[in-house]
Amino acid sequence: MPIKIKTYLTLFYYSFIIINLSVLNFKVNAETKIIAKKGDTLLTISRRYGVPLKVLMYKNNFKDATKTIEGEAILIPLEDNKNKINKHNLTHKVVKGETLYKIARDYNVKVEDIISLNNLSNDLYLSINQIIILPEEATKNKNTNIGNVQLARKKVFYHLTSKIENLSNIAKLHRIRIEEINNLNKLNYPVKINPNTQIRLRENKFSKWRKYGPIMVSWSDWTYFDGNYFSNAKTKKNTSFFIAINCKTRTLNNTSYKTSWSNWYFPKTDFEFKLINDFCDQEFNF
């Protein structure tokens, strides 16, 4: 009888130690598994155990760090003090129309850092209300409205009418005088312009091409059409096509693979991000 009592006491003692260690000591020095509690996500677990979120997602083959994973067995890898996620990291909830590029610009961080930290796929597709974890150095811009659409209009050399348009509206849209439009296009002061008419807005005395990754874009042919902007482009093999930009949605379109326009798409590569940035956000002197 005393032996049994001693055995029970010993088991109780070790169980007590194990329970207290699991509750009080969150630092892990070797790989182990835990069972996710109610309301747990990989994000909360990464912060609780001081494990980089990217490593935790990779080890457990998860793509969504904000998904509730109650009851699932989660592998906790070796502690990495150098790459710990700061518990004070900012997060951002995605709203309609936002892109990774816009979020990165608004918080003064690199797009690739957001992709890496959140383990996002290459299509860069964001869902409304999705939570994006931001790098430690993220700082919210005080003024995120930089007037990119107005800035883009300054770079346009042509206006292509989509319907019957009032000439005064065209002049007001591009912030130039009606007299300038009439002189450049040798018009006799018409009130309205017919559909599918290309109106010159500025003199382009030179042909300027800019290289973006595997393509070249004509910077002296930008044309405004129904809220979008398009220009001539060509591939490395000198195949010509059109490329279009929508500054409000930060999306692209092109005719490189078809004779007609394709669907609008979000940028996927560095040169596509740079192209949108250069056209929509940067000052350009002609």
Protein backbone atom coordinates (compact mmCIF):
# COMPACT_ATOMS: atom_id res chain seq x y z
CA MET A 1 0.00 0.00 0.00
CA PRO A 2 2.72 2.57 0.81
CA ILE A 3 4.41 1.75 -2.52
CA LYS A 4 1.22 2.50 -4.46
CA ILE A 5 0.75 5.79 -2.59
CA LYS A 6 4.35 6.74 -3.35
CA THR A 7 3.86 5.91 -7.04
CA TYR A 8 0.71 8.04 -7.26
CA LEU A 9 2.43 10.94 -5.52
CA THR A 10 5.38 10.69 -7.92
CA LEU A 11 3.10 10.69 -10.97
CA PHE A 12 1.12 13.62 -9.55
CA TYR A 13 4.35 15.55 -8.93
CA TYR A 14 5.63 15.08 -12.49
CA SER A 15 2.22 15.88 -13.98
CA PHE A 16 2.12 19.09 -11.95
CA ILE A 17 5.55 20.11 -13.26
CA ILE A 18 4.63 19.35 -16.89
CA ILE A 19 1.37 21.29 -16.69
CA ASN A 20 3.07 24.33 -15.14
CA LEU A 21 5.85 24.27 -17.71
CA SER A 22 3.34 24.17 -20.57
CA VAL A 23 1.47 27.14 -19.10
CA LEU A 24 4.33 29.33 -17.90
CA ASN A 25 7.25 28.62 -20.22
CA PHE A 26 6.53 29.59 -23.82
CA LYS A 27 10.13 29.54 -25.04
CA VAL A 28 10.92 26.40 -26.98
CA ASN A 29 14.45 25.11 -27.37
CA ALA A 30 13.65 22.07 -29.51
CA GLU A 31 11.00 21.03 -32.01
CA THR A 32 7.77 20.01 -30.33
CA LYS A 33 4.07 19.84 -31.03
CA ILE A 34 1.24 21.71 -29.37
CA ILE A 35 -2.52 21.51 -29.79
CA ALA A 36 -4.01 24.83 -30.87
CA LYS A 37 -6.48 26.29 -28.40
CA LYS A 38 -9.81 27.97 -29.07
CA GLY A 39 -9.29 31.12 -31.12
CA ASP A 40 -5.67 30.27 -31.98
CA THR A 41 -4.16 31.23 -35.32
CA LEU A 42 -0.59 30.78 -36.53
CA LEU A 43 -0.14 34.49 -35.93
CA THR A 44 -1.08 34.27 -32.24
CA ILE A 45 1.03 31.12 -31.79
CA SER A 46 4.06 32.73 -33.46
CA ARG A 47 3.86 35.63 -31.03
CA ARG A 48 3.24 33.39 -28.01
CA TYR A 49 6.27 31.20 -28.67
CA GLY A 50 8.54 33.83 -30.25
CA VAL A 51 8.81 31.90 -33.53
CA PRO A 52 9.00 33.72 -36.89
CA LEU A 53 5.63 33.46 -38.61
CA LYS A 54 7.14 32.56 -41.97
CA VAL A 55 9.02 29.61 -40.40
CA LEU A 56 5.91 28.48 -38.54
CA MET A 57 3.81 28.56 -41.73
CA TYR A 58 6.47 26.67 -43.67
CA LYS A 59 6.88 23.96 -41.01
CA ASN A 60 3.14 23.37 -40.80
CA ASN A 61 2.34 23.88 -44.49
CA PHE A 62 -0.14 26.71 -43.85
CA LYS A 63 -0.88 29.53 -46.28
CA ASP A 64 -3.25 31.59 -44.12
CA ALA A 65 -1.77 32.89 -40.86
CA THR A 66 -5.09 34.33 -39.68
CA LYS A 67 -7.24 31.19 -40.01
CA THR A 68 -8.56 29.73 -36.73
CA ILE A 69 -6.90 26.33 -36.13
CA GLU A 70 -8.43 25.13 -32.86
CA GLY A 71 -7.64 21.46 -32.14
CA GLU A 72 -4.91 21.10 -34.76
CA ALA A 73 -1.45 19.76 -33.92
CA ILE A 74 1.10 22.49 -34.64
CA LEU A 75 4.83 21.88 -34.91
CA ILE A 76 6.87 24.49 -33.07
CA PRO A 77 10.36 24.70 -34.61
CA LEU A 78 13.61 25.71 -32.95
CA GLU A 79 13.60 29.15 -31.43
CA ASP A 80 15.29 31.77 -33.59
CA ASN A 81 16.02 34.89 -31.56
CA LYS A 82 17.44 36.78 -34.53
CA ASN A 83 14.29 36.65 -36.58
CA LYS A 84 11.58 36.94 -33.93
CA ILE A 85 8.31 38.54 -34.88
CA ASN A 86 7.82 41.64 -32.83
CA LYS A 87 4.60 41.39 -30.84
CA HIS A 88 4.00 45.04 -31.64
CA ASN A 89 3.97 44.51 -35.41
CA LEU A 90 1.34 46.54 -37.20
CA THR A 91 -1.40 44.73 -39.07
CA HIS A 92 -3.64 46.01 -41.85
CA LYS A 93 -7.17 44.89 -42.74
CA VAL A 94 -7.70 44.86 -46.51
CA VAL A 95 -10.53 46.99 -47.89
CA LYS A 96 -12.14 46.86 -51.32
CA GLY A 97 -9.86 47.86 -54.17
CA GLU A 98 -6.59 47.65 -52.22
CA THR A 99 -3.49 46.01 -53.61
CA LEU A 100 -0.24 44.94 -51.99
CA TYR A 101 1.52 47.74 -53.79
CA LYS A 102 -0.82 50.36 -52.30
CA ILE A 103 -0.46 48.89 -48.80
CA ALA A 104 3.34 48.83 -49.10
CA ARG A 105 3.34 52.43 -50.30
CA ASP A 106 0.99 53.56 -47.53
CA TYR A 107 3.24 52.03 -44.83
CA ASN A 108 6.63 52.84 -46.43
CA VAL A 109 7.73 49.20 -46.78
CA LYS A 110 8.70 46.91 -49.64
CA VAL A 111 6.12 44.72 -51.36
CA GLU A 112 8.47 41.71 -51.26
CA ASP A 113 8.81 42.06 -47.47
CA ILE A 114 5.02 41.89 -47.04
CA ILE A 115 4.86 38.86 -49.36
CA SER A 116 7.61 37.10 -47.44
CA LEU A 117 6.23 37.90 -43.99
CA ASN A 118 2.72 36.73 -44.88
CA ASN A 119 3.84 33.82 -47.08
CA LEU A 120 1.63 35.08 -49.90
CA SER A 121 1.43 33.43 -53.29
CA ASN A 122 2.67 35.06 -56.46
CA ASP A 123 -0.77 36.07 -57.72
CA LEU A 124 -0.89 38.76 -55.00
CA TYR A 125 -4.66 38.38 -54.73
CA LEU A 126 -6.10 39.97 -51.59
CA SER A 127 -9.49 39.30 -50.00
CA ILE A 128 -11.61 41.96 -48.33
CA ASN A 129 -11.03 41.91 -44.53
CA GLN A 130 -7.85 39.84 -44.94
CA ILE A 131 -5.32 40.69 -42.23
CA ILE A 132 -1.87 41.61 -43.54
CA ILE A 133 1.08 41.54 -41.12
CA LEU A 134 3.46 44.44 -41.72
CA PRO A 135 7.26 44.55 -41.22
CA GLU A 136 8.55 46.09 -37.99
CA GLU A 137 9.68 49.26 -39.75
CA ALA A 138 6.18 49.96 -41.13
CA THR A 139 4.97 53.51 -40.55
CA LYS A 140 1.60 54.76 -41.71
CA ASN A 141 1.79 57.67 -44.12
CA LYS A 142 -0.02 60.72 -42.80
CA ASN A 143 -1.29 61.52 -46.26
CA THR A 144 -1.95 58.53 -48.50
CA ASN A 145 -3.77 60.55 -51.14
CA ILE A 146 -0.93 61.76 -53.32
CA GLY A 147 -3.13 62.75 -56.23
CA ASN A 148 -1.71 60.06 -58.50
CA VAL A 149 -4.50 60.40 -61.04
CA GLN A 150 -3.88 64.14 -61.42
CA LEU A 151 -0.15 63.46 -61.67
CA ALA A 152 -0.71 60.85 -64.37
CA ARG A 153 -2.73 63.25 -66.48
CA LYS A 154 0.29 65.53 -66.69
CA LYS A 155 2.13 62.81 -68.60
CA VAL A 156 -0.56 62.26 -71.22
CA PHE A 157 0.11 63.42 -74.77
CA TYR A 158 -3.21 62.35 -76.29
CA HIS A 159 -6.88 62.05 -75.39
CA LEU A 160 -8.95 59.42 -77.21
CA THR A 161 -12.67 60.08 -77.00
CA SER A 162 -14.90 57.17 -75.95
CA LYS A 163 -18.12 58.96 -76.87
CA ILE A 164 -19.19 62.43 -77.98
CA GLU A 165 -17.26 64.67 -75.58
CA ASN A 166 -17.34 68.36 -74.83
CA LEU A 167 -14.04 70.05 -75.72
CA SER A 168 -14.17 72.24 -72.61
CA ASN A 169 -14.43 69.11 -70.44
CA ILE A 170 -11.40 67.60 -72.14
CA ALA A 171 -9.41 70.79 -71.54
CA LYS A 172 -10.50 70.91 -67.90
CA LEU A 173 -9.68 67.23 -67.36
CA HIS A 174 -6.09 67.67 -68.54
CA ARG A 175 -5.69 71.18 -67.13
CA ILE A 176 -4.82 72.85 -70.39
CA ARG A 177 -6.46 75.68 -72.34
CA ILE A 178 -8.94 75.06 -75.16
CA GLU A 179 -6.84 77.34 -77.36
CA GLU A 180 -3.87 74.99 -76.97
CA ILE A 181 -5.94 72.00 -78.05
CA ASN A 182 -7.30 73.86 -81.07
CA ASN A 183 -3.85 75.01 -82.16
CA LEU A 184 -2.22 71.60 -81.76
CA ASN A 185 -4.99 69.82 -83.66
CA LYS A 186 -5.83 72.64 -86.09
CA LEU A 187 -9.44 72.65 -84.97
CA ASN A 188 -11.92 75.41 -85.67
CA TYR A 189 -13.10 75.80 -82.08
CA PRO A 190 -15.70 73.00 -82.07
CA VAL A 191 -17.93 72.58 -79.04
CA LYS A 192 -18.01 68.79 -79.17
CA ILE A 193 -15.69 66.06 -80.39
CA ASN A 194 -16.92 62.86 -82.05
CA PRO A 195 -16.23 59.37 -80.59
CA ASN A 196 -12.91 57.59 -81.35
CA THR A 197 -11.15 60.86 -82.11
CA GLN A 198 -7.54 61.21 -80.96
CA ILE A 199 -6.81 64.70 -79.65
CA ARG A 200 -3.22 65.85 -79.20
CA LEU A 201 -2.70 67.54 -75.81
CA ARG A 202 1.01 68.35 -75.81
CA GLU A 203 3.91 68.52 -78.21
CA ASN A 204 6.17 65.48 -78.07
CA LYS A 205 9.23 66.54 -80.02
CA PHE A 206 11.14 63.39 -79.18
CA SER A 207 10.48 59.68 -78.98
CA LYS A 208 11.42 58.33 -75.56
CA TRP A 209 11.36 54.63 -74.67
CA ARG A 210 11.86 53.23 -71.19
CA LYS A 211 12.93 49.69 -70.37
CA TYR A 212 10.87 47.69 -67.85
CA GLY A 213 12.10 44.13 -67.42
CA PRO A 214 11.62 42.31 -70.74
CA ILE A 215 9.64 45.09 -72.43
CA MET A 216 10.12 48.65 -73.68
CA VAL A 217 7.40 51.27 -73.19
CA SER A 218 7.02 54.43 -75.26
CA TRP A 219 6.91 57.32 -72.79
CA SER A 220 5.94 59.84 -75.45
CA ASP A 221 2.75 58.07 -76.61
CA TRP A 222 0.68 57.90 -73.43
CA THR A 223 -3.00 58.34 -74.25
CA TYR A 224 -5.97 58.92 -71.97
CA PHE A 225 -9.08 56.87 -72.72
CA ASP A 226 -12.15 56.63 -70.50
CA GLY A 227 -10.23 56.81 -67.19
CA ASN A 228 -7.36 54.59 -68.31
CA TYR A 229 -3.97 55.25 -69.91
CA PHE A 230 -2.29 53.29 -72.67
CA SER A 231 0.85 53.47 -74.76
CA ASN A 232 2.90 51.58 -77.31
CA ALA A 233 5.23 48.85 -76.08
CA LYS A 234 7.45 46.16 -77.57
CA THR A 235 9.08 42.92 -76.50
CA LYS A 236 12.75 41.90 -76.72
CA LYS A 237 11.98 40.44 -80.15
CA ASN A 238 10.64 43.84 -81.20
CA THR A 239 7.04 42.63 -81.29
CA SER A 240 4.72 45.62 -80.85
CA PHE A 241 1.71 45.68 -78.54
CA PHE A 242 -0.22 48.09 -76.32
CA ILE A 243 0.02 48.30 -72.55
CA ALA A 244 -2.54 50.05 -70.32
CA ILE A 245 -2.60 51.29 -66.73
CA ASN A 246 -5.43 52.17 -64.37
CA CYS A 247 -4.01 54.34 -61.57
CA LYS A 248 -7.09 54.12 -59.34
CA THR A 249 -7.04 50.32 -59.10
CA ARG A 250 -3.27 49.94 -59.71
CA THR A 251 -3.94 47.36 -62.43
CA LEU A 252 -2.56 46.61 -65.90
CA ASN A 253 -3.82 45.41 -69.26
CA ASN A 254 -2.11 44.53 -72.53
CA THR A 255 -2.53 43.13 -76.03
CA SER A 256 0.74 41.17 -76.09
CA TYR A 257 -0.84 37.76 -76.49
CA LYS A 258 -4.03 38.67 -78.32
CA THR A 259 -5.12 41.21 -80.86
CA SER A 260 -7.73 42.47 -78.38
CA TRP A 261 -7.31 43.61 -74.79
CA SER A 262 -7.10 40.99 -72.05
CA ASN A 263 -8.60 41.23 -68.56
CA TRP A 264 -7.22 43.76 -66.10
CA TYR A 265 -4.71 42.21 -63.70
CA PHE A 266 -2.69 43.19 -60.65
CA PRO A 267 1.09 43.53 -61.09
CA LYS A 268 3.10 40.41 -60.29
CA THR A 269 6.70 41.33 -61.04
CA ASP A 270 9.06 44.09 -59.94
CA PHE A 271 9.07 45.75 -63.35
CA GLU A 272 5.25 45.89 -63.42
CA PHE A 273 5.20 47.53 -59.98
CA LYS A 274 7.86 49.98 -61.14
CA LEU A 275 5.93 50.82 -64.31
CA ILE A 276 2.80 51.70 -62.32
CA ASN A 277 4.86 53.64 -59.80
CA ASP A 278 6.70 55.64 -62.47
CA PHE A 279 3.58 56.55 -64.39
CA CYS A 280 1.07 57.09 -61.58
CA ASP A 281 3.18 58.50 -58.76
CA GLN A 282 6.34 60.16 -60.02
CA GLU A 283 6.87 63.64 -61.38
CA PHE A 284 8.03 63.68 -64.99
CA ASN A 285 9.44 66.64 -66.89
CA PHE A 286 8.91 66.58 -70.63
